[in-house]
Amino acid sequence: MNILQKKTGHFVFIDGDLKMHTYKDYDEVPDVTQFSNVIAFLPDIPYPPHTIEEHEIIMQWNEEFKKVLEQMDGD
């Protein structure tokens, strides 16, 4: 089950031509393998204190960021 329902934030990538691509909704980010670097990966996280569900969402974002880095490395 994907608990990432709200996917807004600040996501910035650099492509092979050193052009910057900025997105405010993570669903709008295309295939990350076309990018060479991540400049910002800042999902909107609610202010503390966090509920258990919010902690799960934060951990899901951490896992998503790891996936992005793995895909960019080609692993």
Protein backbone atom coordinates (compact mmCIF):
# COMPACT_ATOMS: atom_id res chain seq x y z
CA MET A 1 0.00 0.00 0.00
CA ASN A 2 1.33 3.42 -0.93
CA ILE A 3 0.64 5.88 1.86
CA LEU A 4 2.06 8.84 -0.05
CA GLN A 5 -1.20 10.55 -0.91
CA LYS A 6 0.06 14.12 -0.76
CA LYS A 7 3.08 14.35 -3.04
CA THR A 8 3.83 18.06 -3.03
CA GLY A 9 7.15 19.61 -2.16
CA HIS A 10 10.25 21.03 -3.82
CA PHE A 11 12.05 18.62 -6.16
CA VAL A 12 14.97 19.83 -8.29
CA PHE A 13 17.07 17.76 -10.70
CA ILE A 14 19.91 18.47 -13.15
CA ASP A 15 20.06 16.72 -16.51
CA GLY A 16 23.12 15.76 -18.55
CA ASP A 17 23.15 19.18 -20.23
CA LEU A 18 23.28 20.87 -16.79
CA LYS A 19 19.73 22.17 -17.21
CA MET A 20 17.76 22.47 -13.97
CA HIS A 21 14.26 20.95 -13.72
CA THR A 22 12.02 21.98 -10.81
CA TYR A 23 8.79 20.28 -9.76
CA LYS A 24 6.25 21.06 -7.05
CA ASP A 25 4.41 17.74 -7.33
CA TYR A 26 6.38 14.49 -7.19
CA ASP A 27 3.92 12.85 -9.61
CA GLU A 28 5.11 15.31 -12.29
CA VAL A 29 8.74 14.13 -12.08
CA PRO A 30 9.49 12.09 -15.22
CA ASP A 31 11.81 9.10 -15.37
CA VAL A 32 14.64 10.05 -13.00
CA THR A 33 17.22 8.13 -15.05
CA GLN A 34 17.31 11.12 -17.42
CA PHE A 35 18.83 13.24 -14.65
CA SER A 36 22.43 13.31 -13.50
CA ASN A 37 21.99 14.94 -10.08
CA VAL A 38 19.43 15.65 -7.39
CA ILE A 39 19.64 19.21 -6.10
CA ALA A 40 16.61 19.18 -3.80
CA PHE A 41 14.28 16.44 -2.62
CA LEU A 42 12.09 18.20 -0.09
CA PRO A 43 8.61 16.74 0.26
CA ASP A 44 6.09 18.72 2.28
CA ILE A 45 6.26 17.25 5.78
CA PRO A 46 3.80 18.40 8.46
CA TYR A 47 5.20 20.22 11.48
CA PRO A 48 5.70 18.16 14.66
CA PRO A 49 4.41 16.64 16.72
CA HIS A 50 3.79 13.85 14.23
CA THR A 51 1.20 11.12 14.40
CA ILE A 52 2.20 7.50 13.82
CA GLU A 53 0.79 7.74 10.31
CA GLU A 54 2.86 10.87 9.61
CA HIS A 55 6.01 9.05 10.79
CA GLU A 56 5.18 6.24 8.35
CA ILE A 57 4.77 8.79 5.56
CA ILE A 58 8.12 10.39 6.40
CA MET A 59 9.81 6.97 6.30
CA GLN A 60 8.14 6.26 2.95
CA TRP A 61 9.64 9.48 1.56
CA ASN A 62 13.07 8.35 2.79
CA GLU A 63 12.63 5.07 0.94
CA GLU A 64 11.47 6.90 -2.20
CA PHE A 65 14.58 9.10 -2.11
CA LYS A 66 16.79 6.00 -1.86
CA LYS A 67 15.03 4.54 -4.92
CA VAL A 68 15.63 7.76 -6.87
CA LEU A 69 19.34 7.67 -6.07
CA GLU A 70 19.58 3.98 -7.02
CA GLN A 71 17.81 4.60 -10.34
CA MET A 72 20.08 7.53 -11.15
CA ASP A 73 23.14 5.37 -10.48
CA GLY A 74 21.71 2.72 -12.77
CA ASP A 75 21.68 0.05 -10.05
